[in-house]
Amino acid sequence: MGNLRDTLNAYKASDPAARSSLEVFILYPGVHATINHWIAHWLWRHKLRFLARLISQWSRFWTGVEIHPGAKVGKRLVIDHGMGIVIGETAEIGDDVLLYQGVTLGGTGKDQGKRHPTIGNHVLVGSGAKILGPIRVGDNSRIAANAVVLAEVPPGSTAVGVPARVVRIAGERTDFVARVDQIDIKDPLMIELQAIRSQLDLVEKHCEKRRCIQEELEKTEEKEPRRSDNETI
């Protein structure tokens, strides 16, 4: 009951539309998927694999969230909307993680044993993001919407793009889950392009300045011969 209470409180903290614990418990498919997974995972650990898979598939049918019964899920997992979420068998999810709809924690299709990602604590994964393979996403990290993550993500970082590029947030420990922010994410490629554009602007200004100086010199040279002719006359 303690885990359920903490989970309901986590939903209310992250979703401004949640008005009461009763509403969250009855109406939120993410909560139903999590509860069903608790049951399926218990059966899986006790070698009742068929019953575990049966419950997980029933849950998938009713909630749109597919969590393999072998996956390890931490405390206070929040699945926002949830439709289309897929969590593989060897995936591991830490505490206080927020997943949006369409997220995939999948394998690459060729690895044996541990073949799904490990998600750290206080991680936010945006809508449609794909995290593939036995990689780790560090604590307090953020995966942007529709990113495809194929490599390790250090703690306190942001991953953006296809394939995802990582930006370390140096010296700042940020709790993205508490902020519930999957929009305010800086694209490192855009930052580089802006820096290049700024440098080009400086070069253009310098060239324009030199052109103006050259024109002034040419005008001066044109006037000097005329002065010498007048002096001769």
C-alpha atoms as a PDB file:
ATOM      1  CA  MET A   1       0.000   0.000   0.000  1.00  0.00           C
ATOM      2  CA  GLY A   2       2.912   2.313   0.700  1.00  0.00           C
ATOM      3  CA  ASN A   3       4.206   1.961  -2.860  1.00  0.00           C
ATOM      4  CA  LEU A   4       0.732   2.615  -4.252  1.00  0.00           C
ATOM      5  CA  ARG A   5       0.291   5.718  -2.109  1.00  0.00           C
ATOM      6  CA  ASP A   6       3.685   7.059  -3.174  1.00  0.00           C
ATOM      7  CA  THR A   7       2.848   6.356  -6.815  1.00  0.00           C
ATOM      8  CA  LEU A   8      -0.463   8.211  -6.626  1.00  0.00           C
ATOM      9  CA  ASN A   9       1.250  11.164  -4.959  1.00  0.00           C
ATOM     10  CA  ALA A  10       3.884  11.181  -7.709  1.00  0.00           C
ATOM     11  CA  TYR A  11       1.158  11.407 -10.348  1.00  0.00           C
ATOM     12  CA  LYS A  12      -0.501  14.297  -8.535  1.00  0.00           C
ATOM     13  CA  ALA A  13       2.829  16.097  -8.231  1.00  0.00           C
ATOM     14  CA  SER A  14       3.649  15.775 -11.953  1.00  0.00           C
ATOM     15  CA  ASP A  15       0.209  16.164 -13.530  1.00  0.00           C
ATOM     16  CA  PRO A  16      -1.697  19.440 -12.910  1.00  0.00           C
ATOM     17  CA  ALA A  17      -4.858  17.759 -14.234  1.00  0.00           C
ATOM     18  CA  ALA A  18      -4.867  15.219 -11.383  1.00  0.00           C
ATOM     19  CA  ARG A  19      -7.357  16.414  -8.764  1.00  0.00           C
ATOM     20  CA  SER A  20      -7.405  13.536  -6.283  1.00  0.00           C
ATOM     21  CA  SER A  21      -5.795  10.204  -5.490  1.00  0.00           C
ATOM     22  CA  LEU A  22      -9.096   8.441  -6.154  1.00  0.00           C
ATOM     23  CA  GLU A  23      -9.327   9.949  -9.635  1.00  0.00           C
ATOM     24  CA  VAL A  24      -5.738   8.927 -10.412  1.00  0.00           C
ATOM     25  CA  PHE A  25      -6.286   5.404  -9.099  1.00  0.00           C
ATOM     26  CA  ILE A  26      -9.476   4.792 -11.086  1.00  0.00           C
ATOM     27  CA  LEU A  27      -8.871   6.689 -14.315  1.00  0.00           C
ATOM     28  CA  TYR A  28      -5.135   6.749 -15.072  1.00  0.00           C
ATOM     29  CA  PRO A  29      -3.969   3.884 -17.331  1.00  0.00           C
ATOM     30  CA  GLY A  30      -0.369   4.400 -16.247  1.00  0.00           C
ATOM     31  CA  VAL A  31      -1.316   3.507 -12.679  1.00  0.00           C
ATOM     32  CA  HIS A  32      -3.188   0.410 -13.864  1.00  0.00           C
ATOM     33  CA  ALA A  33      -0.199  -0.674 -15.958  1.00  0.00           C
ATOM     34  CA  THR A  34       2.137  -0.232 -12.997  1.00  0.00           C
ATOM     35  CA  ILE A  35      -0.087  -2.221 -10.633  1.00  0.00           C
ATOM     36  CA  ASN A  36      -0.480  -5.001 -13.189  1.00  0.00           C
ATOM     37  CA  HIS A  37       3.277  -5.070 -13.608  1.00  0.00           C
ATOM     38  CA  TRP A  38       3.804  -5.470  -9.856  1.00  0.00           C
ATOM     39  CA  ILE A  39       1.657  -8.616 -10.020  1.00  0.00           C
ATOM     40  CA  ALA A  40       3.217  -9.907 -13.247  1.00  0.00           C
ATOM     41  CA  HIS A  41       6.752  -9.285 -12.003  1.00  0.00           C
ATOM     42  CA  TRP A  42       6.051 -11.195  -8.760  1.00  0.00           C
ATOM     43  CA  LEU A  43       4.802 -14.143 -10.806  1.00  0.00           C
ATOM     44  CA  TRP A  44       7.806 -13.905 -13.114  1.00  0.00           C
ATOM     45  CA  ARG A  45      10.266 -14.016 -10.215  1.00  0.00           C
ATOM     46  CA  HIS A  46       8.457 -17.094  -8.866  1.00  0.00           C
ATOM     47  CA  LYS A  47       8.843 -18.906 -12.203  1.00  0.00           C
ATOM     48  CA  LEU A  48       5.156 -18.618 -13.124  1.00  0.00           C
ATOM     49  CA  ARG A  49       6.126 -17.246 -16.507  1.00  0.00           C
ATOM     50  CA  PHE A  50       2.968 -18.042 -18.467  1.00  0.00           C
ATOM     51  CA  LEU A  51       0.684 -16.328 -15.915  1.00  0.00           C
ATOM     52  CA  ALA A  52       3.064 -13.384 -15.783  1.00  0.00           C
ATOM     53  CA  ARG A  53       2.981 -12.946 -19.558  1.00  0.00           C
ATOM     54  CA  LEU A  54      -0.791 -13.393 -19.588  1.00  0.00           C
ATOM     55  CA  ILE A  55      -1.250 -10.528 -17.116  1.00  0.00           C
ATOM     56  CA  SER A  56       1.204  -8.289 -18.980  1.00  0.00           C
ATOM     57  CA  GLN A  57      -0.602  -8.894 -22.284  1.00  0.00           C
ATOM     58  CA  TRP A  58      -3.995  -8.287 -20.684  1.00  0.00           C
ATOM     59  CA  SER A  59      -2.620  -5.050 -19.257  1.00  0.00           C
ATOM     60  CA  ARG A  60      -1.280  -4.086 -22.681  1.00  0.00           C
ATOM     61  CA  PHE A  61      -4.707  -4.620 -24.205  1.00  0.00           C
ATOM     62  CA  TRP A  62      -6.488  -2.441 -21.634  1.00  0.00           C
ATOM     63  CA  THR A  63      -3.911   0.290 -21.026  1.00  0.00           C
ATOM     64  CA  GLY A  64      -1.844   0.519 -24.214  1.00  0.00           C
ATOM     65  CA  VAL A  65       1.302   0.119 -22.090  1.00  0.00           C
ATOM     66  CA  GLU A  66       3.453  -2.957 -22.644  1.00  0.00           C
ATOM     67  CA  ILE A  67       5.799  -3.783 -19.769  1.00  0.00           C
ATOM     68  CA  HIS A  68       7.506  -7.144 -19.914  1.00  0.00           C
ATOM     69  CA  PRO A  69       7.049  -8.945 -16.574  1.00  0.00           C
ATOM     70  CA  GLY A  70      10.817  -9.414 -16.337  1.00  0.00           C
ATOM     71  CA  ALA A  71      11.503  -5.661 -16.339  1.00  0.00           C
ATOM     72  CA  LYS A  72      12.583  -4.082 -13.056  1.00  0.00           C
ATOM     73  CA  VAL A  73      10.674  -0.918 -12.168  1.00  0.00           C
ATOM     74  CA  GLY A  74      11.598   1.423  -9.326  1.00  0.00           C
ATOM     75  CA  LYS A  75       9.421   3.439  -6.978  1.00  0.00           C
ATOM     76  CA  ARG A  76       7.107   6.272  -7.981  1.00  0.00           C
ATOM     77  CA  LEU A  77       7.183   5.598 -11.720  1.00  0.00           C
ATOM     78  CA  VAL A  78       4.894   8.019 -13.570  1.00  0.00           C
ATOM     79  CA  ILE A  79       3.578   7.032 -17.007  1.00  0.00           C
ATOM     80  CA  ASP A  80       1.895  10.105 -18.504  1.00  0.00           C
ATOM     81  CA  HIS A  81      -0.875   9.087 -20.970  1.00  0.00           C
ATOM     82  CA  GLY A  82       1.098   5.914 -21.665  1.00  0.00           C
ATOM     83  CA  MET A  83      -0.258   4.822 -25.031  1.00  0.00           C
ATOM     84  CA  GLY A  84       2.411   3.053 -27.061  1.00  0.00           C
ATOM     85  CA  ILE A  85       4.982   2.645 -24.304  1.00  0.00           C
ATOM     86  CA  VAL A  86       7.117  -0.502 -24.622  1.00  0.00           C
ATOM     87  CA  ILE A  87       9.497  -1.675 -21.880  1.00  0.00           C
ATOM     88  CA  GLY A  88      11.613  -4.741 -22.622  1.00  0.00           C
ATOM     89  CA  GLU A  89      12.413  -7.784 -20.511  1.00  0.00           C
ATOM     90  CA  THR A  90      15.837  -6.769 -19.181  1.00  0.00           C
ATOM     91  CA  ALA A  91      15.069  -3.070 -18.838  1.00  0.00           C
ATOM     92  CA  GLU A  92      15.660  -1.477 -15.450  1.00  0.00           C
ATOM     93  CA  ILE A  93      14.012   1.745 -14.312  1.00  0.00           C
ATOM     94  CA  GLY A  94      15.113   3.697 -11.248  1.00  0.00           C
ATOM     95  CA  ASP A  95      13.070   5.723  -8.786  1.00  0.00           C
ATOM     96  CA  ASP A  96      11.086   8.880  -9.640  1.00  0.00           C
ATOM     97  CA  VAL A  97      11.158   8.375 -13.404  1.00  0.00           C
ATOM     98  CA  LEU A  98       8.678  10.093 -15.734  1.00  0.00           C
ATOM     99  CA  LEU A  99       7.800   8.472 -19.087  1.00  0.00           C
ATOM    100  CA  TYR A 100       5.612  10.105 -21.719  1.00  0.00           C
ATOM    101  CA  GLN A 101       3.575   8.354 -24.395  1.00  0.00           C
ATOM    102  CA  GLY A 102       5.301   6.431 -27.157  1.00  0.00           C
ATOM    103  CA  VAL A 103       8.520   5.755 -25.242  1.00  0.00           C
ATOM    104  CA  THR A 104      10.427   2.568 -26.118  1.00  0.00           C
ATOM    105  CA  LEU A 105      13.015   0.965 -23.856  1.00  0.00           C
ATOM    106  CA  GLY A 106      14.045  -1.674 -26.356  1.00  0.00           C
ATOM    107  CA  GLY A 107      16.829  -3.969 -27.459  1.00  0.00           C
ATOM    108  CA  THR A 108      18.911  -3.856 -30.609  1.00  0.00           C
ATOM    109  CA  GLY A 109      17.816  -7.333 -31.652  1.00  0.00           C
ATOM    110  CA  LYS A 110      21.274  -8.914 -31.516  1.00  0.00           C
ATOM    111  CA  ASP A 111      22.368  -8.805 -27.856  1.00  0.00           C
ATOM    112  CA  GLN A 112      22.110 -11.767 -25.523  1.00  0.00           C
ATOM    113  CA  GLY A 113      21.430 -11.512 -21.796  1.00  0.00           C
ATOM    114  CA  LYS A 114      21.147  -7.882 -20.738  1.00  0.00           C
ATOM    115  CA  ARG A 115      19.872  -6.263 -23.934  1.00  0.00           C
ATOM    116  CA  HIS A 116      17.650  -3.396 -22.775  1.00  0.00           C
ATOM    117  CA  PRO A 117      18.533  -0.033 -21.235  1.00  0.00           C
ATOM    118  CA  THR A 118      18.957   0.912 -17.600  1.00  0.00           C
ATOM    119  CA  ILE A 119      17.310   4.183 -16.595  1.00  0.00           C
ATOM    120  CA  GLY A 120      18.676   5.982 -13.536  1.00  0.00           C
ATOM    121  CA  ASN A 121      16.799   7.933 -10.874  1.00  0.00           C
ATOM    122  CA  HIS A 122      14.964  11.202 -11.559  1.00  0.00           C
ATOM    123  CA  VAL A 123      15.019  10.779 -15.342  1.00  0.00           C
ATOM    124  CA  LEU A 124      12.502  12.311 -17.751  1.00  0.00           C
ATOM    125  CA  VAL A 125      11.918  10.621 -21.114  1.00  0.00           C
ATOM    126  CA  GLY A 126       9.964  12.713 -23.620  1.00  0.00           C
ATOM    127  CA  SER A 127       7.208  11.633 -25.979  1.00  0.00           C
ATOM    128  CA  GLY A 128       8.210   9.146 -28.663  1.00  0.00           C
ATOM    129  CA  ALA A 129      11.799   8.769 -27.447  1.00  0.00           C
ATOM    130  CA  LYS A 130      13.569   5.496 -28.192  1.00  0.00           C
ATOM    131  CA  ILE A 131      16.345   4.183 -25.931  1.00  0.00           C
ATOM    132  CA  LEU A 132      17.846   1.057 -27.458  1.00  0.00           C
ATOM    133  CA  GLY A 133      20.364  -1.497 -26.276  1.00  0.00           C
ATOM    134  CA  PRO A 134      22.058  -2.333 -22.957  1.00  0.00           C
ATOM    135  CA  ILE A 135      23.059   1.270 -22.264  1.00  0.00           C
ATOM    136  CA  ARG A 136      22.620   3.407 -19.162  1.00  0.00           C
ATOM    137  CA  VAL A 137      20.901   6.752 -18.818  1.00  0.00           C
ATOM    138  CA  GLY A 138      22.432   8.493 -15.816  1.00  0.00           C
ATOM    139  CA  ASP A 139      20.561  10.006 -12.876  1.00  0.00           C
ATOM    140  CA  ASN A 140      18.883  13.395 -13.325  1.00  0.00           C
ATOM    141  CA  SER A 141      19.039  13.190 -17.124  1.00  0.00           C
ATOM    142  CA  ARG A 142      16.510  14.158 -19.736  1.00  0.00           C
ATOM    143  CA  ILE A 143      15.734  12.548 -23.090  1.00  0.00           C
ATOM    144  CA  ALA A 144      14.067  14.897 -25.562  1.00  0.00           C
ATOM    145  CA  ALA A 145      10.892  13.989 -27.415  1.00  0.00           C
ATOM    146  CA  ASN A 146      11.501  11.671 -30.410  1.00  0.00           C
ATOM    147  CA  ALA A 147      15.200  11.281 -29.623  1.00  0.00           C
ATOM    148  CA  VAL A 148      16.840   7.963 -30.495  1.00  0.00           C
ATOM    149  CA  VAL A 149      19.434   7.118 -27.848  1.00  0.00           C
ATOM    150  CA  LEU A 150      22.032   4.515 -28.843  1.00  0.00           C
ATOM    151  CA  ALA A 151      24.880   5.373 -26.451  1.00  0.00           C
ATOM    152  CA  GLU A 152      25.440   6.046 -22.753  1.00  0.00           C
ATOM    153  CA  VAL A 153      23.971   9.248 -21.327  1.00  0.00           C
ATOM    154  CA  PRO A 154      26.030  10.690 -18.443  1.00  0.00           C
ATOM    155  CA  PRO A 155      24.280  11.827 -15.251  1.00  0.00           C
ATOM    156  CA  GLY A 156      22.728  15.285 -15.375  1.00  0.00           C
ATOM    157  CA  SER A 157      22.686  15.418 -19.173  1.00  0.00           C
ATOM    158  CA  THR A 158      20.260  16.071 -21.994  1.00  0.00           C
ATOM    159  CA  ALA A 159      20.046  13.871 -25.103  1.00  0.00           C
ATOM    160  CA  VAL A 160      18.590  15.400 -28.274  1.00  0.00           C
ATOM    161  CA  GLY A 161      18.136  14.303 -31.873  1.00  0.00           C
ATOM    162  CA  VAL A 162      18.436  11.246 -34.125  1.00  0.00           C
ATOM    163  CA  PRO A 163      20.768   9.715 -33.208  1.00  0.00           C
ATOM    164  CA  ALA A 164      20.797  11.496 -29.896  1.00  0.00           C
ATOM    165  CA  ARG A 165      23.595  13.902 -29.022  1.00  0.00           C
ATOM    166  CA  VAL A 166      24.420  14.506 -25.380  1.00  0.00           C
ATOM    167  CA  VAL A 167      24.801  17.873 -23.661  1.00  0.00           C
ATOM    168  CA  ARG A 168      26.274  17.848 -20.184  1.00  0.00           C
ATOM    169  CA  ILE A 169      24.841  20.410 -17.797  1.00  0.00           C
ATOM    170  CA  ALA A 170      28.043  21.232 -15.951  1.00  0.00           C
ATOM    171  CA  GLY A 171      27.910  22.174 -12.320  1.00  0.00           C
ATOM    172  CA  GLU A 172      24.136  22.085 -12.033  1.00  0.00           C
ATOM    173  CA  ARG A 173      22.146  19.227 -10.546  1.00  0.00           C
ATOM    174  CA  THR A 174      18.717  19.538 -12.093  1.00  0.00           C
ATOM    175  CA  ASP A 175      15.631  17.523 -11.199  1.00  0.00           C
ATOM    176  CA  PHE A 176      13.845  17.365 -14.565  1.00  0.00           C
ATOM    177  CA  VAL A 177      11.048  15.169 -13.227  1.00  0.00           C
ATOM    178  CA  ALA A 178      10.017  17.744 -10.637  1.00  0.00           C
ATOM    179  CA  ARG A 179      10.034  20.445 -13.337  1.00  0.00           C
ATOM    180  CA  VAL A 180       8.087  18.224 -15.781  1.00  0.00           C
ATOM    181  CA  ASP A 181       9.735  20.005 -18.704  1.00  0.00           C
ATOM    182  CA  GLN A 182      10.228  18.169 -21.991  1.00  0.00           C
ATOM    183  CA  ILE A 183      10.102  21.303 -24.167  1.00  0.00           C
ATOM    184  CA  ASP A 184      12.828  23.633 -22.880  1.00  0.00           C
ATOM    185  CA  ILE A 185      15.679  21.584 -24.320  1.00  0.00           C
ATOM    186  CA  LYS A 186      18.633  23.125 -26.164  1.00  0.00           C
ATOM    187  CA  ASP A 187      19.785  21.388 -29.327  1.00  0.00           C
ATOM    188  CA  PRO A 188      23.608  21.284 -29.320  1.00  0.00           C
ATOM    189  CA  LEU A 189      23.706  21.317 -33.137  1.00  0.00           C
ATOM    190  CA  MET A 190      21.624  24.492 -33.179  1.00  0.00           C
ATOM    191  CA  ILE A 191      23.939  26.071 -30.615  1.00  0.00           C
ATOM    192  CA  GLU A 192      26.951  25.266 -32.839  1.00  0.00           C
ATOM    193  CA  LEU A 193      25.192  26.677 -35.906  1.00  0.00           C
ATOM    194  CA  GLN A 194      24.366  29.867 -34.025  1.00  0.00           C
ATOM    195  CA  ALA A 195      28.007  30.196 -32.962  1.00  0.00           C
ATOM    196  CA  ILE A 196      29.146  29.742 -36.582  1.00  0.00           C
ATOM    197  CA  ARG A 197      26.582  32.311 -37.717  1.00  0.00           C
ATOM    198  CA  SER A 198      27.887  34.801 -35.164  1.00  0.00           C
ATOM    199  CA  GLN A 199      31.428  34.305 -36.440  1.00  0.00           C
ATOM    200  CA  LEU A 200      30.280  34.789 -40.032  1.00  0.00           C
ATOM    201  CA  ASP A 201      28.552  38.021 -39.037  1.00  0.00           C
ATOM    202  CA  LEU A 202      31.826  39.275 -37.553  1.00  0.00           C
ATOM    203  CA  VAL A 203      33.707  38.329 -40.731  1.00  0.00           C
ATOM    204  CA  GLU A 204      31.108  40.097 -42.889  1.00  0.00           C
ATOM    205  CA  LYS A 205      31.351  43.246 -40.772  1.00  0.00           C
ATOM    206  CA  HIS A 206      35.142  43.165 -40.996  1.00  0.00           C
ATOM    207  CA  CYS A 207      35.013  42.711 -44.778  1.00  0.00           C
ATOM    208  CA  GLU A 208      32.532  45.552 -45.111  1.00  0.00           C
ATOM    209  CA  LYS A 209      34.778  47.801 -43.054  1.00  0.00           C
ATOM    210  CA  ARG A 210      37.801  46.948 -45.211  1.00  0.00           C
ATOM    211  CA  ARG A 211      35.763  47.564 -48.374  1.00  0.00           C
ATOM    212  CA  CYS A 212      34.778  51.015 -47.159  1.00  0.00           C
ATOM    213  CA  ILE A 213      38.407  51.833 -46.320  1.00  0.00           C
ATOM    214  CA  GLN A 214      39.503  50.619 -49.762  1.00  0.00           C
ATOM    215  CA  GLU A 215      36.915  52.821 -51.455  1.00  0.00           C
ATOM    216  CA  GLU A 216      38.083  55.842 -49.485  1.00  0.00           C
ATOM    217  CA  LEU A 217      41.693  55.150 -50.470  1.00  0.00           C
ATOM    218  CA  GLU A 218      40.738  54.856 -54.128  1.00  0.00           C
ATOM    219  CA  LYS A 219      38.861  58.174 -53.989  1.00  0.00           C
ATOM    220  CA  THR A 220      41.870  59.840 -52.374  1.00  0.00           C
ATOM    221  CA  GLU A 221      44.224  58.500 -55.037  1.00  0.00           C
ATOM    222  CA  GLU A 222      41.940  59.840 -57.784  1.00  0.00           C
ATOM    223  CA  LYS A 223      42.010  63.345 -56.291  1.00  0.00           C
ATOM    224  CA  GLU A 224      45.795  63.581 -55.775  1.00  0.00           C
ATOM    225  CA  PRO A 225      46.807  63.589 -59.518  1.00  0.00           C
ATOM    226  CA  ARG A 226      44.364  66.424 -60.241  1.00  0.00           C
ATOM    227  CA  ARG A 227      45.967  68.524 -57.515  1.00  0.00           C
ATOM    228  CA  SER A 228      49.441  68.009 -58.986  1.00  0.00           C
ATOM    229  CA  ASP A 229      48.215  69.052 -62.500  1.00  0.00           C
ATOM    230  CA  ASN A 230      46.760  72.260 -61.123  1.00  0.00           C
ATOM    231  CA  GLU A 231      49.992  73.041 -59.333  1.00  0.00           C
ATOM    232  CA  THR A 232      51.959  72.597 -62.585  1.00  0.00           C
ATOM    233  CA  ILE A 233      49.713  75.015 -64.522  1.00  0.00           C
END
